[in-house]
Amino acid sequence: MKYSDYQLEDFLADELFIKWIRDKDPHISDFWQKWLAANPEKAEIMEEAARIIRSVEYRDHYELTEREYVSLYEDIMKRTEVGAGRLKKRMSTGRIAAIITLTIVGVLGLLLGLEDQEPPSEVISEVRMIKKTTLPGQKLTFKLPDGTRVKLNASSSVEFPDRFTSHSRGVMLIGEAFFQVVEDPARPFTVESRDFSTTALGTSFNVFAYSDENRHRVSLVSGKVKVESIHSPDGARILQPGEQVTYNKQEDIFSVQLFDAFHTTGWVDGILTFKDSKFSDVISALERWYGVQIDVLNENKKRTDEFSGTFSNENLEKVLEVLSFSGGFAFRIEGKSVVIEFID
């Protein structure tokens, strides 16, 4: 489902929205604030969802019968005065279960006037957020709770709940990662990054979203994904294999183009590639890949600003040696510090 179609129960069932309200995570906050600025008509519903989430007390899981779910949902809709005005469509039992599961303790106490009653001894188990992080020079492969395989590039992080809901799977990404998503049509898989919201069912794709990079990209290798961005003038875009969405922050340009899969996803197999890459991009990539700090001297003397090369599991010295031939520079490596000096 597109975020622009979200209603109250969708916000209440979204792990990332809940984390934003409860923990005030600055990275998630940036996404939601931008989204709200682009969708001001959702402000009232978001505020209602936030109020309910703040009232929730999380404990162990408590099972209600289907009749109890329906009865409780009807009462909630009456008392929050959103049943007639905002939610005109008939919802399935699964949807009802989602909102009740998230709000049972807080809403029972706050909205149904049961504050003075003793709450059930077992109610809702708190969702624990897990964060996987890599330092410069590190890469990490792991699986998410649904079995989705993630390859995390250097200087990156992925945050996700210890279990997904019955109708959605969402993670937050900073940096770069390659996802091989387990197919589950009933639970779309969504990756939230600084400028994109990428949704897939069963597919493999790469997201490049380093905060210090000018261009952010979503590249589809197989399957199909939907990419949403407040920067897109045409709304959500559906990508086919071999297509890539790019957002240029400096020029504020959102575009779709074909991409070279080997160049874009080679890092997953330990292959570092440059194809007519700017020198500044080469430096950033090398610093992340090898975990070093690179200082450049006499950059005004460089012969070219386009560098190309393919390196399979090569050490830094070998990579710099190859690049120095076309770049016209000398270099020295001292532990984690590298000095590049362009010469006449």
Protein backbone atom coordinates (compact mmCIF):
# COMPACT_ATOMS: atom_id res chain seq x y z
CA MET A 1 0.00 0.00 0.00
CA LYS A 2 1.20 3.51 -0.82
CA TYR A 3 1.79 5.77 2.16
CA SER A 4 -0.48 8.33 0.52
CA ASP A 5 -3.37 5.83 0.96
CA TYR A 6 -2.69 5.25 4.69
CA GLN A 7 -5.61 5.46 7.09
CA LEU A 8 -5.61 5.35 10.89
CA GLU A 9 -5.19 1.58 11.23
CA ASP A 10 -2.30 1.59 8.73
CA PHE A 11 -0.29 4.11 10.76
CA LEU A 12 -1.02 2.12 13.93
CA ALA A 13 0.34 -1.06 12.29
CA ASP A 14 3.48 0.51 10.77
CA GLU A 15 6.56 -0.39 12.84
CA LEU A 16 8.56 2.58 11.55
CA PHE A 17 5.79 5.06 12.33
CA ILE A 18 5.47 3.61 15.83
CA LYS A 19 9.23 3.90 16.38
CA TRP A 20 9.14 7.53 15.21
CA ILE A 21 6.42 8.42 17.69
CA ARG A 22 7.88 6.47 20.62
CA ASP A 23 11.64 6.93 20.18
CA LYS A 24 11.97 10.14 18.12
CA ASP A 25 14.68 8.53 15.99
CA PRO A 26 16.22 11.45 13.98
CA HIS A 27 16.66 9.41 10.77
CA ILE A 28 13.06 8.19 10.78
CA SER A 29 11.86 11.64 11.81
CA ASP A 30 13.47 13.18 8.73
CA PHE A 31 11.51 10.82 6.45
CA TRP A 32 8.13 11.31 8.13
CA GLN A 33 8.46 15.09 8.39
CA LYS A 34 9.22 15.33 4.67
CA TRP A 35 6.35 12.99 3.89
CA LEU A 36 3.92 15.00 6.03
CA ALA A 37 5.03 18.23 4.34
CA ALA A 38 4.13 16.64 0.99
CA ASN A 39 0.83 15.16 2.33
CA PRO A 40 -0.62 17.76 4.72
CA GLU A 41 -4.12 16.28 4.34
CA LYS A 42 -2.91 13.31 6.45
CA ALA A 43 -1.89 15.47 9.42
CA GLU A 44 -5.10 14.94 11.41
CA ILE A 45 -5.06 11.14 11.00
CA MET A 46 -1.35 10.98 11.86
CA GLU A 47 -1.93 13.00 15.02
CA GLU A 48 -4.77 10.69 16.05
CA ALA A 49 -2.55 7.64 15.46
CA ALA A 50 0.29 9.26 17.42
CA ARG A 51 -2.04 9.97 20.35
CA ILE A 52 -3.17 6.35 20.50
CA ILE A 53 0.39 5.00 20.22
CA ARG A 54 1.56 7.20 23.09
CA SER A 55 -1.20 5.73 25.25
CA VAL A 56 -0.25 2.11 24.61
CA GLU A 57 1.31 -0.08 27.29
CA TYR A 58 3.18 -3.06 25.76
CA ARG A 59 3.21 -6.42 27.52
CA ASP A 60 2.96 -10.11 26.58
CA HIS A 61 0.56 -11.27 23.89
CA TYR A 62 -3.12 -11.70 24.68
CA GLU A 63 -5.44 -13.48 22.24
CA LEU A 64 -8.97 -12.18 21.60
CA THR A 65 -11.67 -14.07 19.77
CA GLU A 66 -12.84 -12.76 16.41
CA ARG A 67 -16.10 -11.56 17.98
CA GLU A 68 -14.16 -9.70 20.68
CA TYR A 69 -11.96 -8.06 18.03
CA VAL A 70 -15.01 -6.85 16.09
CA SER A 71 -16.82 -5.63 19.19
CA LEU A 72 -13.78 -3.78 20.51
CA TYR A 73 -13.05 -2.23 17.12
CA GLU A 74 -16.61 -0.91 16.80
CA ASP A 75 -16.35 0.67 20.25
CA ILE A 76 -13.00 2.27 19.40
CA MET A 77 -14.37 3.73 16.18
CA LYS A 78 -17.38 5.21 17.97
CA ARG A 79 -15.35 6.78 20.77
CA THR A 80 -12.59 8.18 18.57
CA GLU A 81 -15.20 9.54 16.12
CA VAL A 82 -13.34 8.33 13.06
CA GLY A 83 -15.64 5.50 12.00
CA ALA A 84 -18.00 7.49 9.82
CA GLY A 85 -15.80 10.30 8.58
CA ARG A 86 -12.44 8.74 7.85
CA LEU A 87 -12.84 4.99 7.37
CA LYS A 88 -15.69 4.50 4.95
CA LYS A 89 -14.52 1.21 3.50
CA ARG A 90 -15.36 -2.12 5.14
CA MET A 91 -12.24 -3.69 6.69
CA SER A 92 -11.32 -7.36 6.94
CA THR A 93 -10.89 -9.20 10.24
CA GLY A 94 -7.13 -9.09 9.66
CA ARG A 95 -7.21 -5.29 9.49
CA ILE A 96 -9.32 -5.15 12.62
CA ALA A 97 -6.86 -7.47 14.35
CA ALA A 98 -3.96 -5.22 13.41
CA ILE A 99 -5.38 -2.10 15.05
CA ILE A 100 -6.65 -3.98 18.11
CA THR A 101 -3.30 -5.74 18.61
CA LEU A 102 -1.49 -2.42 18.66
CA THR A 103 -3.91 -0.51 20.87
CA ILE A 104 -5.67 -2.99 23.13
CA VAL A 105 -4.22 -1.87 26.48
CA GLY A 106 -4.00 1.86 25.92
CA VAL A 107 -7.32 2.14 24.10
CA LEU A 108 -9.21 -0.10 26.54
CA GLY A 109 -7.96 2.04 29.40
CA LEU A 110 -8.03 5.47 27.80
CA LEU A 111 -10.95 5.35 25.36
CA LEU A 112 -13.32 2.79 26.90
CA GLY A 113 -13.14 4.18 30.42
CA LEU A 114 -11.50 1.16 32.03
CA GLU A 115 -8.61 2.98 33.66
CA ASP A 116 -9.50 1.71 37.11
CA GLN A 117 -9.73 -1.94 36.14
CA GLU A 118 -6.81 -4.33 36.51
CA PRO A 119 -5.35 -4.98 33.02
CA PRO A 120 -4.91 -8.56 31.82
CA SER A 121 -1.72 -10.18 33.12
CA GLU A 122 -0.67 -10.98 29.55
CA VAL A 123 -1.34 -8.44 26.87
CA ILE A 124 1.17 -7.32 24.23
CA SER A 125 4.81 -8.20 23.90
CA GLU A 126 6.88 -5.16 23.02
CA VAL A 127 8.44 -5.14 19.59
CA ARG A 128 12.20 -4.91 19.95
CA MET A 129 14.12 -3.00 17.29
CA ILE A 130 17.38 -4.53 16.05
CA LYS A 131 20.13 -2.48 14.42
CA LYS A 132 22.90 -3.97 12.29
CA THR A 133 25.84 -1.62 11.60
CA THR A 134 29.08 -1.82 9.65
CA LEU A 135 32.16 0.33 10.10
CA PRO A 136 34.34 1.57 7.22
CA GLY A 137 36.07 -1.43 5.68
CA GLN A 138 33.43 -3.89 6.93
CA LYS A 139 30.61 -5.79 5.21
CA LEU A 140 27.94 -7.92 6.83
CA THR A 141 25.50 -10.60 5.61
CA PHE A 142 22.48 -11.58 7.70
CA LYS A 143 18.85 -12.62 7.49
CA LEU A 144 15.78 -10.72 8.63
CA PRO A 145 13.01 -12.39 10.70
CA ASP A 146 11.12 -13.37 7.53
CA GLY A 147 14.19 -15.00 5.94
CA THR A 148 15.05 -12.08 3.63
CA ARG A 149 18.81 -12.01 3.01
CA VAL A 150 20.63 -8.69 3.44
CA LYS A 151 24.17 -7.83 2.38
CA LEU A 152 25.19 -4.59 4.13
CA ASN A 153 27.99 -2.53 2.62
CA ALA A 154 30.58 -0.56 4.60
CA SER A 155 29.60 2.44 6.75
CA SER A 156 25.94 1.43 6.68
CA SER A 157 23.14 0.42 9.03
CA VAL A 158 19.79 -1.38 8.82
CA GLU A 159 17.19 -1.21 11.56
CA PHE A 160 14.24 -3.61 11.78
CA PRO A 161 11.83 -5.16 14.34
CA ASP A 162 12.53 -8.55 15.86
CA ARG A 163 9.31 -9.73 14.20
CA PHE A 164 7.19 -8.31 11.41
CA THR A 165 3.43 -7.74 11.55
CA SER A 166 0.90 -9.99 9.84
CA HIS A 167 0.50 -7.61 6.90
CA SER A 168 3.75 -5.66 6.42
CA ARG A 169 7.55 -5.88 6.63
CA GLY A 170 9.53 -2.65 7.03
CA VAL A 171 13.19 -1.74 7.59
CA MET A 172 15.20 1.50 7.76
CA LEU A 173 18.46 1.86 5.78
CA ILE A 174 21.32 4.32 5.97
CA GLY A 175 24.13 3.66 3.47
CA GLU A 176 24.01 0.78 0.99
CA ALA A 177 22.52 -2.71 1.06
CA PHE A 178 21.47 -5.48 -1.31
CA PHE A 179 18.18 -7.24 -0.48
CA GLN A 180 17.05 -10.69 -1.60
CA VAL A 181 13.44 -10.59 -0.46
CA VAL A 182 11.48 -13.70 0.51
CA GLU A 183 8.24 -13.74 -1.46
CA ASP A 184 5.13 -13.05 0.63
CA PRO A 185 2.32 -11.32 -1.33
CA ALA A 186 0.31 -10.75 1.87
CA ARG A 187 3.16 -8.79 3.48
CA PRO A 188 4.87 -6.27 1.18
CA PHE A 189 8.52 -5.60 2.06
CA THR A 190 9.47 -1.91 2.40
CA VAL A 191 12.87 -0.26 2.74
CA GLU A 192 12.79 3.30 4.03
CA SER A 193 15.83 5.42 3.18
CA ARG A 194 16.43 9.16 3.27
CA ASP A 195 14.81 9.97 -0.08
CA PHE A 196 12.97 6.77 -1.06
CA SER A 197 10.39 4.29 0.12
CA THR A 198 10.92 1.06 -1.84
CA THR A 199 8.29 -1.69 -1.70
CA ALA A 200 8.67 -5.25 -3.03
CA LEU A 201 6.95 -8.63 -2.76
CA GLY A 202 9.66 -11.11 -3.75
CA THR A 203 12.65 -9.65 -5.54
CA SER A 204 16.30 -8.57 -5.34
CA PHE A 205 17.41 -4.96 -5.44
CA ASN A 206 20.14 -2.58 -4.32
CA VAL A 207 19.64 0.65 -2.37
CA PHE A 208 22.42 3.27 -2.30
CA ALA A 209 21.58 5.98 0.23
CA TYR A 210 24.65 7.34 2.02
CA SER A 211 23.83 10.62 3.74
CA ASP A 212 27.05 12.25 2.50
CA GLU A 213 26.50 11.29 -1.16
CA ASN A 214 24.77 13.59 -3.65
CA ARG A 215 23.06 10.81 -5.61
CA HIS A 216 20.79 8.20 -4.03
CA ARG A 217 19.70 5.18 -6.07
CA VAL A 218 17.38 2.18 -6.06
CA SER A 219 18.44 -0.48 -8.60
CA LEU A 220 16.23 -3.47 -9.44
CA VAL A 221 17.95 -6.74 -10.36
CA SER A 222 14.96 -9.10 -10.45
CA GLY A 223 11.23 -9.05 -9.77
CA LYS A 224 9.34 -5.78 -9.40
CA VAL A 225 9.46 -2.89 -6.93
CA LYS A 226 7.50 0.28 -6.32
CA VAL A 227 9.56 3.35 -5.42
CA GLU A 228 7.94 6.33 -3.72
CA SER A 229 9.61 9.66 -3.08
CA ILE A 230 8.43 13.13 -2.15
CA HIS A 231 10.91 14.32 -4.80
CA SER A 232 9.13 12.51 -7.64
CA PRO A 233 6.86 14.79 -9.70
CA ASP A 234 4.92 11.76 -10.98
CA GLY A 235 4.30 9.94 -7.70
CA ALA A 236 5.24 6.28 -7.25
CA ARG A 237 7.25 4.53 -9.96
CA ILE A 238 7.16 0.83 -10.78
CA LEU A 239 10.58 -0.50 -11.82
CA GLN A 240 11.30 -3.42 -14.12
CA PRO A 241 14.51 -5.51 -13.88
CA GLY A 242 17.47 -3.49 -15.12
CA GLU A 243 15.90 -0.13 -14.23
CA GLN A 244 17.16 2.30 -11.62
CA VAL A 245 15.70 5.33 -9.87
CA THR A 246 18.14 8.13 -9.05
CA TYR A 247 17.65 11.28 -7.00
CA ASN A 248 20.22 14.04 -7.43
CA LYS A 249 20.03 16.09 -4.22
CA GLN A 250 22.11 18.99 -5.47
CA GLU A 251 20.03 19.52 -8.61
CA ASP A 252 16.78 18.19 -7.10
CA ILE A 253 16.26 15.87 -10.07
CA PHE A 254 14.40 12.55 -9.88
CA SER A 255 15.00 10.22 -12.84
CA VAL A 256 14.71 6.63 -14.08
CA GLN A 257 17.35 4.97 -16.25
CA LEU A 258 18.90 1.60 -17.12
CA PHE A 259 21.95 0.51 -15.12
CA ASP A 260 24.94 -1.81 -15.32
CA ALA A 261 24.21 -4.59 -12.81
CA PHE A 262 27.86 -5.64 -12.60
CA HIS A 263 28.98 -2.11 -11.79
CA THR A 264 26.15 -1.45 -9.33
CA THR A 265 26.00 -4.74 -7.40
CA GLY A 266 29.52 -6.11 -7.89
CA TRP A 267 30.36 -5.08 -4.32
CA VAL A 268 28.12 -7.91 -3.09
CA ASP A 269 30.71 -10.38 -4.47
CA GLY A 270 33.75 -8.40 -3.34
CA ILE A 271 34.21 -6.60 -6.67
CA LEU A 272 35.03 -2.89 -6.60
CA THR A 273 34.30 -1.11 -9.88
CA PHE A 274 34.72 2.41 -11.22
CA LYS A 275 33.32 3.47 -14.57
CA ASP A 276 34.15 7.04 -15.59
CA SER A 277 33.83 7.89 -11.90
CA LYS A 278 34.64 11.32 -10.53
CA PHE A 279 37.76 11.49 -8.39
CA SER A 280 35.74 12.59 -5.34
CA ASP A 281 33.47 9.53 -5.73
CA VAL A 282 36.52 7.26 -6.02
CA ILE A 283 37.97 8.67 -2.79
CA SER A 284 34.67 8.21 -0.90
CA ALA A 285 34.35 4.63 -2.15
CA LEU A 286 37.93 3.72 -1.20
CA GLU A 287 37.57 5.22 2.27
CA ARG A 288 34.43 3.18 2.95
CA TRP A 289 35.73 -0.01 1.28
CA TYR A 290 39.09 -0.14 3.06
CA GLY A 291 38.30 1.83 6.21
CA VAL A 292 40.97 4.48 5.68
CA GLN A 293 41.29 8.27 5.72
CA ILE A 294 42.61 9.70 2.44
CA ASP A 295 44.20 13.16 2.17
CA VAL A 296 44.79 14.65 -1.29
CA LEU A 297 47.55 17.10 -2.17
CA ASN A 298 47.83 19.23 -5.33
CA GLU A 299 44.44 18.09 -6.64
CA ASN A 300 44.48 21.01 -9.09
CA LYS A 301 47.24 19.15 -10.98
CA LYS A 302 45.23 15.99 -11.67
CA ARG A 303 45.18 14.96 -15.33
CA THR A 304 41.61 13.69 -15.42
CA ASP A 305 38.45 13.58 -13.33
CA GLU A 306 37.23 10.27 -14.76
CA PHE A 307 38.56 7.01 -13.35
CA SER A 308 37.76 3.43 -14.40
CA GLY A 309 38.84 0.03 -13.14
CA THR A 310 37.61 -3.32 -11.84
CA PHE A 311 39.16 -4.92 -8.76
CA SER A 312 38.24 -8.33 -7.35
CA ASN A 313 39.21 -8.65 -3.69
CA GLU A 314 42.39 -6.58 -4.28
CA ASN A 315 44.27 -4.80 -1.51
CA LEU A 316 44.36 -1.01 -1.36
CA GLU A 317 47.94 -0.72 -2.56
CA LYS A 318 47.15 -2.62 -5.77
CA VAL A 319 44.05 -0.50 -6.45
CA LEU A 320 45.91 2.79 -5.96
CA GLU A 321 48.79 1.57 -8.10
CA VAL A 322 46.44 0.91 -11.05
CA LEU A 323 44.53 4.17 -10.64
CA SER A 324 47.75 6.19 -10.35
CA PHE A 325 48.77 5.32 -13.92
CA SER A 326 45.84 7.23 -15.43
CA GLY A 327 45.50 9.72 -12.61
CA GLY A 328 49.10 10.84 -12.49
CA PHE A 329 49.58 10.71 -8.75
CA ALA A 330 51.91 9.22 -6.16
CA PHE A 331 50.69 7.77 -2.89
CA ARG A 332 51.83 6.43 0.43
CA ILE A 333 49.97 4.26 2.93
CA GLU A 334 50.64 4.58 6.65
CA GLY A 335 48.30 2.29 8.56
CA LYS A 336 44.80 3.71 8.21
CA SER A 337 46.04 6.98 6.68
CA VAL A 338 46.67 7.47 2.96
CA VAL A 339 48.20 10.47 1.22
CA ILE A 340 47.67 11.00 -2.52
CA GLU A 341 49.76 13.66 -4.23
CA PHE A 342 49.26 14.69 -7.84
CA ILE A 343 52.46 15.41 -9.74
CA ASP A 344 53.28 17.31 -12.93
